[in-house]
Amino acid sequence: MNSIFWNELLPIAMAATELGTRLNAQGWAIMLISVGTVVWMTFYCMYRVLKLPPAELEDIKGPLEIEPRDPEDAI
């Protein structure tokens, strides 16, 4: 799959470069801001989740506390 991707993408990239279509300053700014925002939000969310205090064992409800339904009512 990887070789199929590169075999199709590389000629397109080479043709675009030969035509002179490159990113200008505004394109670079938008790209860097968007990629930077996604990377920052990923690490920020991971930090927030990993910073949470550990759960108390008394707060965890196990499957033994679930009331089973009456087997006679089963269809």
C-alpha atoms as a PDB file:
ATOM      1  CA  MET A   1       0.000   0.000   0.000  1.00  0.00           C
ATOM      2  CA  ASN A   2       2.835   2.379   0.801  1.00  0.00           C
ATOM      3  CA  SER A   3       4.424   1.960  -2.623  1.00  0.00           C
ATOM      4  CA  ILE A   4       1.078   2.565  -4.349  1.00  0.00           C
ATOM      5  CA  PHE A   5       0.687   5.836  -2.438  1.00  0.00           C
ATOM      6  CA  TRP A   6       4.162   7.102  -3.321  1.00  0.00           C
ATOM      7  CA  ASN A   7       3.911   5.908  -6.937  1.00  0.00           C
ATOM      8  CA  GLU A   8       0.813   8.061  -7.384  1.00  0.00           C
ATOM      9  CA  LEU A   9       1.794  11.027  -5.223  1.00  0.00           C
ATOM     10  CA  LEU A  10       5.363  11.577  -6.379  1.00  0.00           C
ATOM     11  CA  PRO A  11       4.541  12.378 -10.048  1.00  0.00           C
ATOM     12  CA  ILE A  12       1.834  14.814  -8.937  1.00  0.00           C
ATOM     13  CA  ALA A  13       4.257  16.581  -6.579  1.00  0.00           C
ATOM     14  CA  MET A  14       6.960  16.710  -9.243  1.00  0.00           C
ATOM     15  CA  ALA A  15       4.545  18.158 -11.816  1.00  0.00           C
ATOM     16  CA  ALA A  16       3.361  20.812  -9.351  1.00  0.00           C
ATOM     17  CA  THR A  17       6.951  21.813  -8.604  1.00  0.00           C
ATOM     18  CA  GLU A  18       7.809  22.038 -12.298  1.00  0.00           C
ATOM     19  CA  LEU A  19       4.821  24.304 -12.881  1.00  0.00           C
ATOM     20  CA  GLY A  20       6.101  26.681 -10.223  1.00  0.00           C
ATOM     21  CA  THR A  21       3.242  26.194  -7.757  1.00  0.00           C
ATOM     22  CA  ARG A  22       4.864  26.593  -4.356  1.00  0.00           C
ATOM     23  CA  LEU A  23       3.592  27.852  -1.057  1.00  0.00           C
ATOM     24  CA  ASN A  24       3.862  31.568  -0.552  1.00  0.00           C
ATOM     25  CA  ALA A  25       4.258  33.219   2.854  1.00  0.00           C
ATOM     26  CA  GLN A  26       0.517  33.185   3.541  1.00  0.00           C
ATOM     27  CA  GLY A  27       0.296  29.482   2.710  1.00  0.00           C
ATOM     28  CA  TRP A  28       3.182  28.666   5.029  1.00  0.00           C
ATOM     29  CA  ALA A  29       1.621  30.750   7.818  1.00  0.00           C
ATOM     30  CA  ILE A  30      -1.753  29.036   7.534  1.00  0.00           C
ATOM     31  CA  MET A  31      -0.154  25.603   7.341  1.00  0.00           C
ATOM     32  CA  LEU A  32       2.112  26.180  10.330  1.00  0.00           C
ATOM     33  CA  ILE A  33      -0.706  27.635  12.424  1.00  0.00           C
ATOM     34  CA  SER A  34      -3.088  24.779  11.620  1.00  0.00           C
ATOM     35  CA  VAL A  35      -0.540  21.996  12.141  1.00  0.00           C
ATOM     36  CA  GLY A  36       0.773  23.688  15.275  1.00  0.00           C
ATOM     37  CA  THR A  37      -2.741  24.015  16.669  1.00  0.00           C
ATOM     38  CA  VAL A  38      -3.530  20.336  16.093  1.00  0.00           C
ATOM     39  CA  VAL A  39      -0.238  19.214  17.665  1.00  0.00           C
ATOM     40  CA  TRP A  40      -0.675  21.591  20.622  1.00  0.00           C
ATOM     41  CA  MET A  41      -4.269  20.447  21.240  1.00  0.00           C
ATOM     42  CA  THR A  42      -3.194  16.794  21.090  1.00  0.00           C
ATOM     43  CA  PHE A  43      -0.511  17.244  23.724  1.00  0.00           C
ATOM     44  CA  TYR A  44      -2.715  19.530  25.835  1.00  0.00           C
ATOM     45  CA  CYS A  45      -5.537  16.964  25.914  1.00  0.00           C
ATOM     46  CA  MET A  46      -3.134  14.135  26.694  1.00  0.00           C
ATOM     47  CA  TYR A  47      -1.628  16.204  29.525  1.00  0.00           C
ATOM     48  CA  ARG A  48      -5.069  16.944  30.963  1.00  0.00           C
ATOM     49  CA  VAL A  49      -6.120  13.284  30.859  1.00  0.00           C
ATOM     50  CA  LEU A  50      -2.872  12.000  32.357  1.00  0.00           C
ATOM     51  CA  LYS A  51      -2.940  14.684  35.081  1.00  0.00           C
ATOM     52  CA  LEU A  52      -6.273  13.444  36.480  1.00  0.00           C
ATOM     53  CA  PRO A  53      -6.110  11.968  39.990  1.00  0.00           C
ATOM     54  CA  PRO A  54      -6.340   8.177  40.194  1.00  0.00           C
ATOM     55  CA  ALA A  55      -9.805   6.741  40.665  1.00  0.00           C
ATOM     56  CA  GLU A  56     -10.725   5.365  44.075  1.00  0.00           C
ATOM     57  CA  LEU A  57     -11.465   1.653  44.165  1.00  0.00           C
ATOM     58  CA  GLU A  58     -14.715   2.218  46.033  1.00  0.00           C
ATOM     59  CA  ASP A  59     -16.027   4.392  43.176  1.00  0.00           C
ATOM     60  CA  ILE A  60     -15.602   1.674  40.538  1.00  0.00           C
ATOM     61  CA  LYS A  61     -18.764  -0.348  39.987  1.00  0.00           C
ATOM     62  CA  GLY A  62     -18.101  -3.919  39.026  1.00  0.00           C
ATOM     63  CA  PRO A  63     -20.390  -6.259  37.091  1.00  0.00           C
ATOM     64  CA  LEU A  64     -21.317  -8.074  40.329  1.00  0.00           C
ATOM     65  CA  GLU A  65     -23.434  -5.118  41.445  1.00  0.00           C
ATOM     66  CA  ILE A  66     -25.649  -5.311  38.352  1.00  0.00           C
ATOM     67  CA  GLU A  67     -29.043  -6.866  38.947  1.00  0.00           C
ATOM     68  CA  PRO A  68     -29.774  -9.618  36.414  1.00  0.00           C
ATOM     69  CA  ARG A  69     -33.166  -9.667  34.760  1.00  0.00           C
ATOM     70  CA  ASP A  70     -35.663 -12.390  35.473  1.00  0.00           C
ATOM     71  CA  PRO A  71     -34.966 -15.324  33.120  1.00  0.00           C
ATOM     72  CA  GLU A  72     -38.691 -16.096  32.927  1.00  0.00           C
ATOM     73  CA  ASP A  73     -39.320 -12.715  31.219  1.00  0.00           C
ATOM     74  CA  ALA A  74     -36.776 -13.485  28.479  1.00  0.00           C
ATOM     75  CA  ILE A  75     -38.229 -13.984  25.031  1.00  0.00           C
END
